[in-house]
Every structure is written in C-alpha cells, then in structure tokens.
Amino acid sequence: MSILQINSPAANAISKFVQMVYVGLLWFICSIPILTIGASTVALYEVLLKLEKNQEGAIGAAFFRGFRANLKASFPVWIPILLVQVVFGVNLLYYAVLGGGYFPVQSVVFAVLFVLALTASGYVFPIMARFENTTAGTFRMAFLLAIRNPGWTVVIAVIQVLTLFLCWGFLYLPTLFIMGISGYMQAAIFNRIFDRLIEQGKITQTNPITE
C-alpha cells in the first residue's frame, strides 16, 4: 500500500498538519485587531481540541462559529490578560534588554512573572473552548488546574516560550501559522487533563467546578 493513499498514516498526518496550518492562519487573520485575540484563541482551541481527537468537521466554519460565539464573552477575559502581559513584558524588556545587564534580579523576576502570566492564559482559553463558565469561574479553574498539574504546566510553558522564541528569532514569519501547530500540541495535553477529570466526576461539561 502506498504511503500516499488517502487513508494511509502518512496521508492522514499530512492532512492534519495542513489543517493545523490553516486554523493557525485563521487565528492570525482574526487576531490582527489585537482586541479580538481572545475570541480567536477560544475558536482556535474549539477546533484543535476536536482535531486532536479526530472529531473535526469543516475547519473554517467551526472556527468562525466559535469566533462569533465567544467575541463578547472573551473581552473580560482577554483584556486583563493582555494588560498583565504588557506590564510584565515591558518591564522585562526594560530590565533584561535595555538595562545592559545591570538589573539581573529584576530581569529574572519579570521573566518569571511573564512566563507565569503566559502559562495561566494558556489554560484559560482551552477552558472557555471546552466548558461553560463565568469569567471568574474560568480564571479560578485555570488557576486550580495549573497548580494541580505542575508537570503539564511546565510543558505548556515550554511550548509557549518556544513559540514566542521562533516568532522573534525568525522575523515573526511563524506567527502566520505557528499557533495552529503550537495550539495542537497544547490541545493534546488539555484533552488528557479534561477527560481525566470528567471521568473522575470532578468536572462536567456544563458545570466545570473543580473539587
């Protein structure tokens, strides 16, 4: 059997990779206004959480449906995250890059804070994509899952930092598509975390309250 036949593992892998790139491009286009990044990211994970389980339908239609449905609800989540990341990021840039090496303590502190904020936001949007919850409940669940899954939290942090590094180091070109690939790797992690907790009865699809 040829590896390029429709149902071969290689063909399926290529198809899935193309779908990742496609949804990454949709995320980039819909994130250009910056304020819509929250809705774009929720829509991204709605698609990728299903794609990782081979439950995806029409990628474009699913993405835009999720984008429209979460546009308003994402603002009270995304705006605080954006402000926190900007504050920590600007301070990190000032002390670590512009400071000429004279502020090592401040550089480390703001680097840690920036990574923590980045990782916390990494939990927030997949939670919004998978569960119905209030804004406060979403942040609470993200915090609880992050501290109760330290190993996965470290892996998620590494993926996100590497994603930023690739975008920075290669003149931002990967930004056009890399969120689909990076998001897929994280979606695989979140599916395992969510499914385990659902099986244990600790959370449900409509009432995700962690015990």
C-alpha atoms as a PDB file:
ATOM      1  CA  MET A   1       0.000   0.000   0.000  1.00  0.00           C
ATOM      2  CA  SER A   2       1.361   3.409  -0.970  1.00  0.00           C
ATOM      3  CA  ILE A   3       2.092   5.786   1.880  1.00  0.00           C
ATOM      4  CA  LEU A   4       0.256   8.471  -0.101  1.00  0.00           C
ATOM      5  CA  GLN A   5      -3.061   6.609  -0.288  1.00  0.00           C
ATOM      6  CA  ILE A   6      -5.961   8.542   1.211  1.00  0.00           C
ATOM      7  CA  ASN A   7      -6.237   6.514   4.417  1.00  0.00           C
ATOM      8  CA  SER A   8      -2.534   5.847   4.957  1.00  0.00           C
ATOM      9  CA  PRO A   9      -0.860   7.147   8.146  1.00  0.00           C
ATOM     10  CA  ALA A  10       1.346   9.478   6.113  1.00  0.00           C
ATOM     11  CA  ALA A  11      -1.595  10.980   4.227  1.00  0.00           C
ATOM     12  CA  ASN A  12      -3.534  11.435   7.466  1.00  0.00           C
ATOM     13  CA  ALA A  13      -0.531  13.108   9.102  1.00  0.00           C
ATOM     14  CA  ILE A  14      -0.097  15.467   6.148  1.00  0.00           C
ATOM     15  CA  SER A  15      -3.811  16.284   6.153  1.00  0.00           C
ATOM     16  CA  LYS A  16      -3.776  17.018   9.864  1.00  0.00           C
ATOM     17  CA  PHE A  17      -0.689  19.224   9.511  1.00  0.00           C
ATOM     18  CA  VAL A  18      -2.355  21.211   6.736  1.00  0.00           C
ATOM     19  CA  GLN A  19      -5.416  21.662   8.945  1.00  0.00           C
ATOM     20  CA  MET A  20      -3.200  22.952  11.788  1.00  0.00           C
ATOM     21  CA  VAL A  21      -1.583  25.480   9.469  1.00  0.00           C
ATOM     22  CA  TYR A  22      -4.984  26.530   8.127  1.00  0.00           C
ATOM     23  CA  VAL A  23      -6.518  27.151  11.533  1.00  0.00           C
ATOM     24  CA  GLY A  24      -3.307  28.957  12.542  1.00  0.00           C
ATOM     25  CA  LEU A  25      -3.748  31.305   9.582  1.00  0.00           C
ATOM     26  CA  LEU A  26      -7.375  31.920  10.549  1.00  0.00           C
ATOM     27  CA  TRP A  27      -6.237  32.718  14.082  1.00  0.00           C
ATOM     28  CA  PHE A  28      -3.657  35.207  12.776  1.00  0.00           C
ATOM     29  CA  ILE A  29      -6.114  36.989  10.487  1.00  0.00           C
ATOM     30  CA  CYS A  30      -8.804  37.292  13.156  1.00  0.00           C
ATOM     31  CA  SER A  31      -6.250  38.425  15.764  1.00  0.00           C
ATOM     32  CA  ILE A  32      -4.988  41.429  13.790  1.00  0.00           C
ATOM     33  CA  PRO A  33      -7.218  43.897  15.722  1.00  0.00           C
ATOM     34  CA  ILE A  34      -5.478  42.621  18.936  1.00  0.00           C
ATOM     35  CA  LEU A  35      -8.668  43.078  20.967  1.00  0.00           C
ATOM     36  CA  THR A  36     -10.107  40.039  19.185  1.00  0.00           C
ATOM     37  CA  ILE A  37      -7.201  37.746  20.102  1.00  0.00           C
ATOM     38  CA  GLY A  38      -9.237  36.290  22.949  1.00  0.00           C
ATOM     39  CA  ALA A  39     -12.113  35.226  20.705  1.00  0.00           C
ATOM     40  CA  SER A  40      -9.661  33.972  18.077  1.00  0.00           C
ATOM     41  CA  THR A  41      -7.834  31.848  20.627  1.00  0.00           C
ATOM     42  CA  VAL A  42     -11.027  30.324  22.002  1.00  0.00           C
ATOM     43  CA  ALA A  43     -12.124  29.500  18.457  1.00  0.00           C
ATOM     44  CA  LEU A  44      -8.674  28.049  17.748  1.00  0.00           C
ATOM     45  CA  TYR A  45      -8.949  25.655  20.675  1.00  0.00           C
ATOM     46  CA  GLU A  46     -12.541  24.729  19.874  1.00  0.00           C
ATOM     47  CA  VAL A  47     -11.237  23.428  16.554  1.00  0.00           C
ATOM     48  CA  LEU A  48      -7.955  21.930  17.786  1.00  0.00           C
ATOM     49  CA  LEU A  49      -9.423  20.082  20.780  1.00  0.00           C
ATOM     50  CA  LYS A  50     -11.687  18.252  18.324  1.00  0.00           C
ATOM     51  CA  LEU A  51      -8.983  17.881  15.675  1.00  0.00           C
ATOM     52  CA  GLU A  52      -6.701  16.126  18.172  1.00  0.00           C
ATOM     53  CA  LYS A  53      -9.491  13.590  18.750  1.00  0.00           C
ATOM     54  CA  ASN A  54     -10.263  13.288  15.027  1.00  0.00           C
ATOM     55  CA  GLN A  55     -13.702  14.784  15.643  1.00  0.00           C
ATOM     56  CA  GLU A  56     -13.268  17.874  13.490  1.00  0.00           C
ATOM     57  CA  GLY A  57     -15.794  18.957  10.884  1.00  0.00           C
ATOM     58  CA  ALA A  58     -15.396  21.850   8.481  1.00  0.00           C
ATOM     59  CA  ILE A  59     -12.431  23.761   9.944  1.00  0.00           C
ATOM     60  CA  GLY A  60     -13.288  27.220   8.621  1.00  0.00           C
ATOM     61  CA  ALA A  61     -16.965  27.064   9.528  1.00  0.00           C
ATOM     62  CA  ALA A  62     -16.197  25.734  13.028  1.00  0.00           C
ATOM     63  CA  PHE A  63     -13.575  28.414  13.627  1.00  0.00           C
ATOM     64  CA  PHE A  64     -15.775  31.340  12.630  1.00  0.00           C
ATOM     65  CA  ARG A  65     -18.731  29.917  14.527  1.00  0.00           C
ATOM     66  CA  GLY A  66     -16.603  29.757  17.670  1.00  0.00           C
ATOM     67  CA  PHE A  67     -15.164  33.209  16.992  1.00  0.00           C
ATOM     68  CA  ARG A  68     -18.596  34.841  16.734  1.00  0.00           C
ATOM     69  CA  ALA A  69     -19.981  32.959  19.727  1.00  0.00           C
ATOM     70  CA  ASN A  70     -17.103  33.989  22.009  1.00  0.00           C
ATOM     71  CA  LEU A  71     -16.417  37.516  20.779  1.00  0.00           C
ATOM     72  CA  LYS A  72     -18.296  39.307  23.558  1.00  0.00           C
ATOM     73  CA  ALA A  73     -17.547  36.782  26.320  1.00  0.00           C
ATOM     74  CA  SER A  74     -13.809  36.869  25.601  1.00  0.00           C
ATOM     75  CA  PHE A  75     -13.325  40.594  26.273  1.00  0.00           C
ATOM     76  CA  PRO A  76     -13.499  40.466  30.113  1.00  0.00           C
ATOM     77  CA  VAL A  77     -11.051  37.549  29.983  1.00  0.00           C
ATOM     78  CA  TRP A  78      -8.621  38.728  27.328  1.00  0.00           C
ATOM     79  CA  ILE A  79      -8.291  42.400  28.333  1.00  0.00           C
ATOM     80  CA  PRO A  80      -6.937  41.701  31.873  1.00  0.00           C
ATOM     81  CA  ILE A  81      -4.590  39.057  30.463  1.00  0.00           C
ATOM     82  CA  LEU A  82      -3.365  41.498  27.806  1.00  0.00           C
ATOM     83  CA  LEU A  83      -2.734  44.257  30.347  1.00  0.00           C
ATOM     84  CA  VAL A  84      -0.827  41.945  32.680  1.00  0.00           C
ATOM     85  CA  GLN A  85       1.313  40.560  29.871  1.00  0.00           C
ATOM     86  CA  VAL A  86       2.068  44.062  28.567  1.00  0.00           C
ATOM     87  CA  VAL A  87       3.127  45.291  32.023  1.00  0.00           C
ATOM     88  CA  PHE A  88       5.374  42.282  32.665  1.00  0.00           C
ATOM     89  CA  GLY A  89       6.665  42.219  29.093  1.00  0.00           C
ATOM     90  CA  VAL A  90       7.598  45.912  29.040  1.00  0.00           C
ATOM     91  CA  ASN A  91       9.385  45.610  32.379  1.00  0.00           C
ATOM     92  CA  LEU A  92      11.212  42.505  31.178  1.00  0.00           C
ATOM     93  CA  LEU A  93      12.292  44.314  28.016  1.00  0.00           C
ATOM     94  CA  TYR A  94      13.484  47.315  30.011  1.00  0.00           C
ATOM     95  CA  TYR A  95      15.475  45.431  32.645  1.00  0.00           C
ATOM     96  CA  ALA A  96      16.763  42.474  30.605  1.00  0.00           C
ATOM     97  CA  VAL A  97      17.395  44.069  27.204  1.00  0.00           C
ATOM     98  CA  LEU A  98      17.673  47.827  27.609  1.00  0.00           C
ATOM     99  CA  GLY A  99      19.228  47.619  31.076  1.00  0.00           C
ATOM    100  CA  GLY A 100      22.511  46.342  29.715  1.00  0.00           C
ATOM    101  CA  GLY A 101      22.791  43.554  32.284  1.00  0.00           C
ATOM    102  CA  TYR A 102      22.702  45.877  35.299  1.00  0.00           C
ATOM    103  CA  PHE A 103      19.393  44.552  36.648  1.00  0.00           C
ATOM    104  CA  PRO A 104      19.733  40.756  36.904  1.00  0.00           C
ATOM    105  CA  VAL A 105      17.288  40.354  39.812  1.00  0.00           C
ATOM    106  CA  GLN A 106      14.588  42.462  38.189  1.00  0.00           C
ATOM    107  CA  SER A 107      15.150  40.659  34.905  1.00  0.00           C
ATOM    108  CA  VAL A 108      14.616  37.250  36.492  1.00  0.00           C
ATOM    109  CA  VAL A 109      11.579  38.392  38.472  1.00  0.00           C
ATOM    110  CA  PHE A 110       9.772  39.844  35.474  1.00  0.00           C
ATOM    111  CA  ALA A 111      10.808  36.918  33.268  1.00  0.00           C
ATOM    112  CA  VAL A 112       9.197  34.524  35.758  1.00  0.00           C
ATOM    113  CA  LEU A 113       6.092  36.704  36.086  1.00  0.00           C
ATOM    114  CA  PHE A 114       5.750  36.978  32.318  1.00  0.00           C
ATOM    115  CA  VAL A 115       6.036  33.222  31.822  1.00  0.00           C
ATOM    116  CA  LEU A 116       3.533  32.585  34.630  1.00  0.00           C
ATOM    117  CA  ALA A 117       1.052  35.016  33.069  1.00  0.00           C
ATOM    118  CA  LEU A 118       1.592  33.415  29.671  1.00  0.00           C
ATOM    119  CA  THR A 119       1.062  29.923  31.057  1.00  0.00           C
ATOM    120  CA  ALA A 120      -2.040  30.927  33.021  1.00  0.00           C
ATOM    121  CA  SER A 121      -3.575  32.352  29.859  1.00  0.00           C
ATOM    122  CA  GLY A 122      -2.692  29.054  28.195  1.00  0.00           C
ATOM    123  CA  TYR A 123      -5.211  27.327  30.462  1.00  0.00           C
ATOM    124  CA  VAL A 124      -7.912  29.998  30.263  1.00  0.00           C
ATOM    125  CA  PHE A 125      -8.770  29.785  26.572  1.00  0.00           C
ATOM    126  CA  PRO A 126      -8.951  25.969  26.256  1.00  0.00           C
ATOM    127  CA  ILE A 127     -11.249  26.010  29.296  1.00  0.00           C
ATOM    128  CA  MET A 128     -13.502  28.553  27.586  1.00  0.00           C
ATOM    129  CA  ALA A 129     -13.458  26.401  24.450  1.00  0.00           C
ATOM    130  CA  ARG A 130     -14.482  23.219  26.293  1.00  0.00           C
ATOM    131  CA  PHE A 131     -16.708  24.368  29.165  1.00  0.00           C
ATOM    132  CA  GLU A 132     -19.447  26.820  30.026  1.00  0.00           C
ATOM    133  CA  ASN A 133     -18.477  29.005  32.963  1.00  0.00           C
ATOM    134  CA  THR A 134     -18.428  32.549  34.310  1.00  0.00           C
ATOM    135  CA  THR A 135     -15.380  34.777  33.838  1.00  0.00           C
ATOM    136  CA  ALA A 136     -14.424  34.400  37.495  1.00  0.00           C
ATOM    137  CA  GLY A 137     -15.058  30.665  37.322  1.00  0.00           C
ATOM    138  CA  THR A 138     -12.854  30.349  34.248  1.00  0.00           C
ATOM    139  CA  PHE A 139      -9.934  32.092  35.954  1.00  0.00           C
ATOM    140  CA  ARG A 140     -10.447  30.030  39.105  1.00  0.00           C
ATOM    141  CA  MET A 141     -10.489  26.781  37.161  1.00  0.00           C
ATOM    142  CA  ALA A 142      -7.384  27.805  35.183  1.00  0.00           C
ATOM    143  CA  PHE A 143      -5.507  28.535  38.405  1.00  0.00           C
ATOM    144  CA  LEU A 144      -6.545  25.251  40.034  1.00  0.00           C
ATOM    145  CA  LEU A 145      -5.690  23.131  37.007  1.00  0.00           C
ATOM    146  CA  ALA A 146      -2.333  24.857  36.580  1.00  0.00           C
ATOM    147  CA  ILE A 147      -1.210  24.161  40.142  1.00  0.00           C
ATOM    148  CA  ARG A 148      -2.673  20.638  40.229  1.00  0.00           C
ATOM    149  CA  ASN A 149      -0.924  19.608  37.031  1.00  0.00           C
ATOM    150  CA  PRO A 150       2.583  21.017  37.563  1.00  0.00           C
ATOM    151  CA  GLY A 151       4.243  18.678  35.078  1.00  0.00           C
ATOM    152  CA  TRP A 152       1.877  19.576  32.252  1.00  0.00           C
ATOM    153  CA  THR A 153       2.032  23.235  33.258  1.00  0.00           C
ATOM    154  CA  VAL A 154       5.795  23.212  32.755  1.00  0.00           C
ATOM    155  CA  VAL A 155       5.390  21.545  29.352  1.00  0.00           C
ATOM    156  CA  ILE A 156       2.788  24.144  28.317  1.00  0.00           C
ATOM    157  CA  ALA A 157       5.098  26.947  29.462  1.00  0.00           C
ATOM    158  CA  VAL A 158       7.969  25.496  27.419  1.00  0.00           C
ATOM    159  CA  ILE A 159       5.778  25.221  24.303  1.00  0.00           C
ATOM    160  CA  GLN A 160       4.605  28.804  24.646  1.00  0.00           C
ATOM    161  CA  VAL A 161       8.075  30.210  25.274  1.00  0.00           C
ATOM    162  CA  LEU A 162       9.444  28.282  22.278  1.00  0.00           C
ATOM    163  CA  THR A 163       6.590  29.624  20.169  1.00  0.00           C
ATOM    164  CA  LEU A 164       7.483  33.199  21.108  1.00  0.00           C
ATOM    165  CA  PHE A 165      11.171  32.496  20.504  1.00  0.00           C
ATOM    166  CA  LEU A 166      10.503  31.145  16.998  1.00  0.00           C
ATOM    167  CA  CYS A 167       8.366  34.144  16.105  1.00  0.00           C
ATOM    168  CA  TRP A 168      11.009  36.543  17.447  1.00  0.00           C
ATOM    169  CA  GLY A 169      14.030  34.737  16.036  1.00  0.00           C
ATOM    170  CA  PHE A 170      12.663  34.232  12.526  1.00  0.00           C
ATOM    171  CA  LEU A 171      11.377  37.747  11.882  1.00  0.00           C
ATOM    172  CA  TYR A 172       7.861  36.918  13.054  1.00  0.00           C
ATOM    173  CA  LEU A 173       7.100  34.799   9.951  1.00  0.00           C
ATOM    174  CA  PRO A 174       5.983  31.768  12.007  1.00  0.00           C
ATOM    175  CA  THR A 175       3.287  33.972  13.558  1.00  0.00           C
ATOM    176  CA  LEU A 176       1.329  33.433  10.356  1.00  0.00           C
ATOM    177  CA  PHE A 177       0.755  29.759  11.099  1.00  0.00           C
ATOM    178  CA  ILE A 178       2.539  28.545  14.216  1.00  0.00           C
ATOM    179  CA  MET A 179      -0.417  28.940  16.578  1.00  0.00           C
ATOM    180  CA  GLY A 180      -2.089  26.050  14.804  1.00  0.00           C
ATOM    181  CA  ILE A 181       0.883  23.774  15.465  1.00  0.00           C
ATOM    182  CA  SER A 182       1.633  25.055  18.959  1.00  0.00           C
ATOM    183  CA  GLY A 183      -2.064  25.024  19.843  1.00  0.00           C
ATOM    184  CA  TYR A 184      -2.445  21.440  18.642  1.00  0.00           C
ATOM    185  CA  MET A 185       0.348  20.230  20.931  1.00  0.00           C
ATOM    186  CA  GLN A 186      -1.300  22.003  23.851  1.00  0.00           C
ATOM    187  CA  ALA A 187      -4.753  20.749  22.847  1.00  0.00           C
ATOM    188  CA  ALA A 188      -3.438  17.184  23.168  1.00  0.00           C
ATOM    189  CA  ILE A 189      -2.404  17.982  26.748  1.00  0.00           C
ATOM    190  CA  PHE A 190      -5.653  19.699  27.663  1.00  0.00           C
ATOM    191  CA  ASN A 191      -7.774  16.866  26.269  1.00  0.00           C
ATOM    192  CA  ARG A 192      -5.977  14.471  28.598  1.00  0.00           C
ATOM    193  CA  ILE A 193      -6.374  16.776  31.605  1.00  0.00           C
ATOM    194  CA  PHE A 194     -10.044  17.499  30.909  1.00  0.00           C
ATOM    195  CA  ASP A 195     -11.021  13.933  30.033  1.00  0.00           C
ATOM    196  CA  ARG A 196      -9.386  12.538  33.156  1.00  0.00           C
ATOM    197  CA  LEU A 197     -11.245  14.973  35.394  1.00  0.00           C
ATOM    198  CA  ILE A 198     -14.545  14.326  33.617  1.00  0.00           C
ATOM    199  CA  GLU A 199     -14.086  10.573  34.018  1.00  0.00           C
ATOM    200  CA  GLN A 200     -13.370  11.111  37.720  1.00  0.00           C
ATOM    201  CA  GLY A 201     -16.559  13.187  38.035  1.00  0.00           C
ATOM    202  CA  LYS A 202     -14.674  16.252  39.274  1.00  0.00           C
ATOM    203  CA  ILE A 203     -15.871  18.468  36.435  1.00  0.00           C
ATOM    204  CA  THR A 204     -18.668  18.345  33.883  1.00  0.00           C
ATOM    205  CA  GLN A 205     -19.135  19.966  30.503  1.00  0.00           C
ATOM    206  CA  THR A 206     -21.779  22.402  31.777  1.00  0.00           C
ATOM    207  CA  ASN A 207     -20.690  22.837  35.391  1.00  0.00           C
ATOM    208  CA  PRO A 208     -16.887  22.763  35.482  1.00  0.00           C
ATOM    209  CA  ILE A 209     -16.311  23.174  39.198  1.00  0.00           C
ATOM    210  CA  THR A 210     -13.078  21.570  40.340  1.00  0.00           C
ATOM    211  CA  GLU A 211     -13.342  19.931  43.741  1.00  0.00           C
END
